[in-house]
C-alpha atoms as a PDB file:
ATOM      1  CA  MET A   1      93.236 117.589 104.563  1.00  0.00           C
ATOM      2  CA  GLU A   2      93.812 119.211 101.350  1.00  0.00           C
ATOM      3  CA  THR A   3      94.678 115.978  99.642  1.00  0.00           C
ATOM      4  CA  GLU A   4      96.619 112.906  99.702  1.00  0.00           C
ATOM      5  CA  THR A   5      98.928 110.472  97.875  1.00  0.00           C
ATOM      6  CA  GLU A   6      99.798 106.845  98.012  1.00  0.00           C
ATOM      7  CA  ARG A   7     102.342 107.798 100.942  1.00  0.00           C
ATOM      8  CA  LEU A   8     101.498 111.203 102.116  1.00  0.00           C
ATOM      9  CA  ILE A   9      98.897 113.208 103.574  1.00  0.00           C
ATOM     10  CA  LEU A  10      98.869 117.223 102.629  1.00  0.00           C
ATOM     11  CA  ARG A  11      97.150 119.095 105.475  1.00  0.00           C
ATOM     12  CA  ARG A  12      96.772 122.520 106.705  1.00  0.00           C
ATOM     13  CA  PHE A  13      99.109 123.545 109.498  1.00  0.00           C
ATOM     14  CA  GLN A  14      98.225 123.674 112.911  1.00  0.00           C
ATOM     15  CA  VAL A  15     100.006 126.024 115.502  1.00  0.00           C
ATOM     16  CA  SER A  16     100.947 122.856 117.119  1.00  0.00           C
ATOM     17  CA  ASP A  17     103.240 121.985 114.133  1.00  0.00           C
ATOM     18  CA  ALA A  18     105.640 124.765 115.155  1.00  0.00           C
ATOM     19  CA  GLU A  19     108.050 122.676 117.232  1.00  0.00           C
ATOM     20  CA  ARG A  20     108.424 120.022 114.460  1.00  0.00           C
ATOM     21  CA  LEU A  21     108.957 122.593 111.821  1.00  0.00           C
ATOM     22  CA  PHE A  22     111.377 124.498 114.039  1.00  0.00           C
ATOM     23  CA  GLU A  23     113.477 121.460 114.422  1.00  0.00           C
ATOM     24  CA  ILE A  24     113.343 120.902 110.318  1.00  0.00           C
ATOM     25  CA  TYR A  25     114.311 124.828 109.827  1.00  0.00           C
ATOM     26  CA  SER A  26     117.078 124.609 112.467  1.00  0.00           C
ATOM     27  CA  ASP A  27     119.189 122.210 110.036  1.00  0.00           C
ATOM     28  CA  ARG A  28     121.764 124.522 107.929  1.00  0.00           C
ATOM     29  CA  GLU A  29     121.649 122.073 105.006  1.00  0.00           C
ATOM     30  CA  THR A  30     117.912 121.928 104.892  1.00  0.00           C
ATOM     31  CA  MET A  31     117.569 125.646 104.652  1.00  0.00           C
ATOM     32  CA  LYS A  32     120.599 126.480 102.573  1.00  0.00           C
ATOM     33  CA  PHE A  33     118.697 127.539  99.613  1.00  0.00           C
ATOM     34  CA  MET A  34     115.618 129.078 101.662  1.00  0.00           C
ATOM     35  CA  GLY A  35     117.045 132.052 103.716  1.00  0.00           C
ATOM     36  CA  GLY A  36     116.869 132.046 107.408  1.00  0.00           C
ATOM     37  CA  GLY A  37     114.297 130.189 109.469  1.00  0.00           C
ATOM     38  CA  PRO A  38     112.584 131.264 112.898  1.00  0.00           C
ATOM     39  CA  GLN A  39     115.051 132.115 115.689  1.00  0.00           C
ATOM     40  CA  THR A  40     112.786 130.353 118.162  1.00  0.00           C
ATOM     41  CA  VAL A  41     109.556 127.943 118.477  1.00  0.00           C
ATOM     42  CA  ASP A  42     107.652 130.883 119.460  1.00  0.00           C
ATOM     43  CA  ASP A  43     108.469 132.873 116.516  1.00  0.00           C
ATOM     44  CA  GLU A  44     107.571 129.816 114.571  1.00  0.00           C
ATOM     45  CA  ARG A  45     104.065 129.628 116.190  1.00  0.00           C
ATOM     46  CA  GLY A  46     103.762 133.256 115.393  1.00  0.00           C
ATOM     47  CA  ALA A  47     104.391 132.583 111.790  1.00  0.00           C
ATOM     48  CA  LEU A  48     102.018 129.517 111.471  1.00  0.00           C
ATOM     49  CA  GLN A  49      99.215 131.557 112.859  1.00  0.00           C
ATOM     50  CA  ARG A  50      99.775 134.343 110.617  1.00  0.00           C
ATOM     51  CA  HIS A  51     100.023 132.145 107.575  1.00  0.00           C
ATOM     52  CA  ARG A  52      96.727 130.518 108.575  1.00  0.00           C
ATOM     53  CA  GLU A  53      95.100 133.858 108.688  1.00  0.00           C
ATOM     54  CA  ILE A  54      96.352 135.402 105.768  1.00  0.00           C
ATOM     55  CA  TYR A  55      96.511 132.109 103.410  1.00  0.00           C
ATOM     56  CA  TYR A  56      93.993 129.631 104.558  1.00  0.00           C
ATOM     57  CA  ASP A  57      91.420 132.323 105.630  1.00  0.00           C
ATOM     58  CA  LEU A  58      91.804 134.854 102.672  1.00  0.00           C
ATOM     59  CA  TYR A  59      93.010 132.679  99.916  1.00  0.00           C
ATOM     60  CA  GLY A  60      91.570 129.026 100.897  1.00  0.00           C
ATOM     61  CA  PHE A  61      95.162 127.827 100.063  1.00  0.00           C
ATOM     62  CA  GLY A  62      98.824 128.153 101.413  1.00  0.00           C
ATOM     63  CA  LEU A  63     101.677 125.761 102.667  1.00  0.00           C
ATOM     64  CA  TRP A  64     100.460 122.560 103.893  1.00  0.00           C
ATOM     65  CA  GLY A  65     102.189 120.218 106.111  1.00  0.00           C
ATOM     66  CA  VAL A  66     103.325 117.033 104.462  1.00  0.00           C
ATOM     67  CA  VAL A  67     102.700 114.037 106.547  1.00  0.00           C
ATOM     68  CA  LEU A  68     104.262 110.493 105.953  1.00  0.00           C
ATOM     69  CA  LYS A  69     101.253 108.085 106.409  1.00  0.00           C
ATOM     70  CA  SER A  70     103.427 105.205 107.627  1.00  0.00           C
ATOM     71  CA  GLU A  71     104.864 107.184 110.461  1.00  0.00           C
ATOM     72  CA  ASN A  72     102.155 109.666 110.740  1.00  0.00           C
ATOM     73  CA  LYS A  73     105.199 112.173 110.778  1.00  0.00           C
ATOM     74  CA  LEU A  74     105.535 115.783 109.588  1.00  0.00           C
ATOM     75  CA  LEU A  75     108.215 115.665 107.011  1.00  0.00           C
ATOM     76  CA  GLY A  76     108.044 119.366 105.880  1.00  0.00           C
ATOM     77  CA  ARG A  77     105.724 121.564 103.818  1.00  0.00           C
ATOM     78  CA  CYS A  78     104.398 121.868 100.238  1.00  0.00           C
ATOM     79  CA  GLY A  79     101.793 124.234  98.764  1.00  0.00           C
ATOM     80  CA  ILE A  80     100.965 127.673  97.269  1.00  0.00           C
ATOM     81  CA  ILE A  81     102.290 131.025  98.221  1.00  0.00           C
ATOM     82  CA  LYS A  82     101.943 134.400  96.574  1.00  0.00           C
ATOM     83  CA  GLN A  83     105.017 136.061  95.142  1.00  0.00           C
ATOM     84  CA  GLU A  84     105.579 139.549  93.721  1.00  0.00           C
ATOM     85  CA  ILE A  85     107.612 139.510  90.557  1.00  0.00           C
ATOM     86  CA  GLU A  86     108.476 142.695  88.918  1.00  0.00           C
ATOM     87  CA  GLY A  87     105.042 144.282  89.878  1.00  0.00           C
ATOM     88  CA  GLU A  88     102.866 141.265  89.355  1.00  0.00           C
ATOM     89  CA  THR A  89     101.354 138.818  91.957  1.00  0.00           C
ATOM     90  CA  MET A  90     101.971 135.057  91.046  1.00  0.00           C
ATOM     91  CA  GLU A  91     101.153 131.877  92.905  1.00  0.00           C
ATOM     92  CA  GLU A  92     104.366 129.863  93.618  1.00  0.00           C
ATOM     93  CA  ILE A  93     104.585 126.235  94.470  1.00  0.00           C
ATOM     94  CA  SER A  94     106.925 125.888  97.222  1.00  0.00           C
ATOM     95  CA  TYR A  95     108.287 122.723  98.991  1.00  0.00           C
ATOM     96  CA  LEU A  96     110.746 121.746 101.712  1.00  0.00           C
ATOM     97  CA  ILE A  97     111.178 118.564 103.563  1.00  0.00           C
ATOM     98  CA  ASP A  98     113.603 117.277 106.420  1.00  0.00           C
ATOM     99  CA  ARG A  99     116.972 116.364 105.125  1.00  0.00           C
ATOM    100  CA  GLU A 100     116.415 112.773 106.579  1.00  0.00           C
ATOM    101  CA  TYR A 101     113.881 112.115 103.798  1.00  0.00           C
ATOM    102  CA  TRP A 102     115.391 113.468 100.901  1.00  0.00           C
ATOM    103  CA  ASN A 103     116.016 111.400  97.837  1.00  0.00           C
ATOM    104  CA  LYS A 104     113.012 109.163  98.441  1.00  0.00           C
ATOM    105  CA  GLY A 105     110.578 110.691  96.162  1.00  0.00           C
ATOM    106  CA  TYR A 106     108.370 112.433  98.733  1.00  0.00           C
ATOM    107  CA  VAL A 107     109.076 116.000  97.583  1.00  0.00           C
ATOM    108  CA  THR A 108     108.098 115.163  93.889  1.00  0.00           C
ATOM    109  CA  GLU A 109     104.995 113.208  95.108  1.00  0.00           C
ATOM    110  CA  ALA A 110     103.749 116.108  97.230  1.00  0.00           C
ATOM    111  CA  ALA A 111     104.539 118.741  94.463  1.00  0.00           C
ATOM    112  CA  LYS A 112     102.541 116.844  91.789  1.00  0.00           C
ATOM    113  CA  ALA A 113      99.568 116.618  94.298  1.00  0.00           C
ATOM    114  CA  VAL A 114      99.888 120.234  94.913  1.00  0.00           C
ATOM    115  CA  VAL A 115      99.652 120.814  91.072  1.00  0.00           C
ATOM    116  CA  GLU A 116      96.636 118.952  90.615  1.00  0.00           C
ATOM    117  CA  VAL A 117      95.012 120.743  93.638  1.00  0.00           C
ATOM    118  CA  ALA A 118      96.135 124.201  92.137  1.00  0.00           C
ATOM    119  CA  ARG A 119      94.536 123.248  88.892  1.00  0.00           C
ATOM    120  CA  GLU A 120      91.243 121.343  90.069  1.00  0.00           C
ATOM    121  CA  LYS A 121      90.409 122.905  93.384  1.00  0.00           C
ATOM    122  CA  TYR A 122      91.815 126.527  93.097  1.00  0.00           C
ATOM    123  CA  ARG A 123      91.313 126.666  89.133  1.00  0.00           C
ATOM    124  CA  LEU A 124      94.914 128.449  88.993  1.00  0.00           C
ATOM    125  CA  LYS A 125      96.081 128.977  85.426  1.00  0.00           C
ATOM    126  CA  LYS A 126      99.725 128.956  86.062  1.00  0.00           C
ATOM    127  CA  LEU A 127     102.254 128.128  88.831  1.00  0.00           C
ATOM    128  CA  ILE A 128     105.845 129.168  89.285  1.00  0.00           C
ATOM    129  CA  ALA A 129     108.636 127.985  91.056  1.00  0.00           C
ATOM    130  CA  LEU A 130     111.620 130.330  92.091  1.00  0.00           C
ATOM    131  CA  ILE A 131     114.715 128.244  92.430  1.00  0.00           C
ATOM    132  CA  LEU A 132     118.574 129.048  92.594  1.00  0.00           C
ATOM    133  CA  PRO A 133     120.632 127.851  90.063  1.00  0.00           C
ATOM    134  CA  GLU A 134     122.809 125.661  92.495  1.00  0.00           C
ATOM    135  CA  ASN A 135     119.786 123.963  93.845  1.00  0.00           C
ATOM    136  CA  VAL A 136     119.744 120.951  91.397  1.00  0.00           C
ATOM    137  CA  GLY A 137     117.609 118.986  93.750  1.00  0.00           C
ATOM    138  CA  SER A 138     114.761 121.446  93.510  1.00  0.00           C
ATOM    139  CA  ILE A 139     115.101 122.002  89.647  1.00  0.00           C
ATOM    140  CA  ARG A 140     114.749 118.175  89.371  1.00  0.00           C
ATOM    141  CA  VAL A 141     111.646 118.124  91.350  1.00  0.00           C
ATOM    142  CA  ALA A 142     110.178 121.128  89.461  1.00  0.00           C
ATOM    143  CA  GLU A 143     111.134 119.537  85.906  1.00  0.00           C
ATOM    144  CA  LYS A 144     109.334 116.261  87.057  1.00  0.00           C
ATOM    145  CA  CYS A 145     106.270 118.142  87.762  1.00  0.00           C
ATOM    146  CA  GLY A 146     106.266 119.898  84.304  1.00  0.00           C
ATOM    147  CA  PHE A 147     108.011 123.205  85.168  1.00  0.00           C
ATOM    148  CA  GLU A 148     110.338 124.734  82.602  1.00  0.00           C
ATOM    149  CA  LEU A 149     112.915 127.781  82.969  1.00  0.00           C
ATOM    150  CA  GLU A 150     110.863 130.964  81.721  1.00  0.00           C
ATOM    151  CA  ARG A 151     113.377 133.392  82.528  1.00  0.00           C
ATOM    152  CA  MET A 152     116.194 134.421  85.074  1.00  0.00           C
ATOM    153  CA  LEU A 153     115.513 137.252  87.660  1.00  0.00           C
ATOM    154  CA  GLU A 154     118.410 139.391  88.537  1.00  0.00           C
ATOM    155  CA  VAL A 155     117.266 139.985  91.855  1.00  0.00           C
ATOM    156  CA  HIS A 156     114.468 138.530  93.962  1.00  0.00           C
ATOM    157  CA  LYS A 157     114.092 139.434  97.852  1.00  0.00           C
ATOM    158  CA  ILE A 158     117.870 138.636  99.288  1.00  0.00           C
ATOM    159  CA  TRP A 159     118.950 136.547  96.412  1.00  0.00           C
ATOM    160  CA  ASN A 160     120.523 137.238  92.928  1.00  0.00           C
ATOM    161  CA  ASN A 161     120.185 135.229  89.638  1.00  0.00           C
ATOM    162  CA  VAL A 162     117.082 133.477  90.495  1.00  0.00           C
ATOM    163  CA  GLY A 163     115.313 130.860  87.990  1.00  0.00           C
ATOM    164  CA  LEU A 164     111.629 131.625  87.556  1.00  0.00           C
ATOM    165  CA  TYR A 165     110.160 128.287  86.482  1.00  0.00           C
ATOM    166  CA  ALA A 166     106.796 128.118  85.110  1.00  0.00           C
ATOM    167  CA  ARG A 167     104.055 125.449  84.440  1.00  0.00           C
ATOM    168  CA  MET A 168     100.680 126.343  82.799  1.00  0.00           C
ATOM    169  CA  LEU A 169      97.745 124.305  84.304  1.00  0.00           C
END
């Protein structure tokens, strides 16, 4: 377990989480602002294995499974990933949960816990969040966690006009 809150456990992913994640990623509305998800459960198994090797083994952090304690159910993910922004490597907070659990405060609760872990355990100095302007729910979560719009990126990967939100730790 990486950390926990009143209602949630944030833990490292296991390859066995692939089926549940594939289910979450298969919902078009959930993935609206995230780009494409895996094509098969096997693709997700491979992605989880690579994530474990790259992030957990190399950096110690990464994306973690968000588990609802009361149901012992994996709701999605929240954690820290590396992003290349205009030639500079930055640590980004990333969050996504099953649409069935939206608007219940789970993402904000998980994201606040990740901010604390980033500061206390990993001694990071700054986190960013890359968010499309249309993704008002994600912007609201970032702002509740103390992030402010730093600048707009004309292009980032497959997206145009992406907000770079930042928070000093």
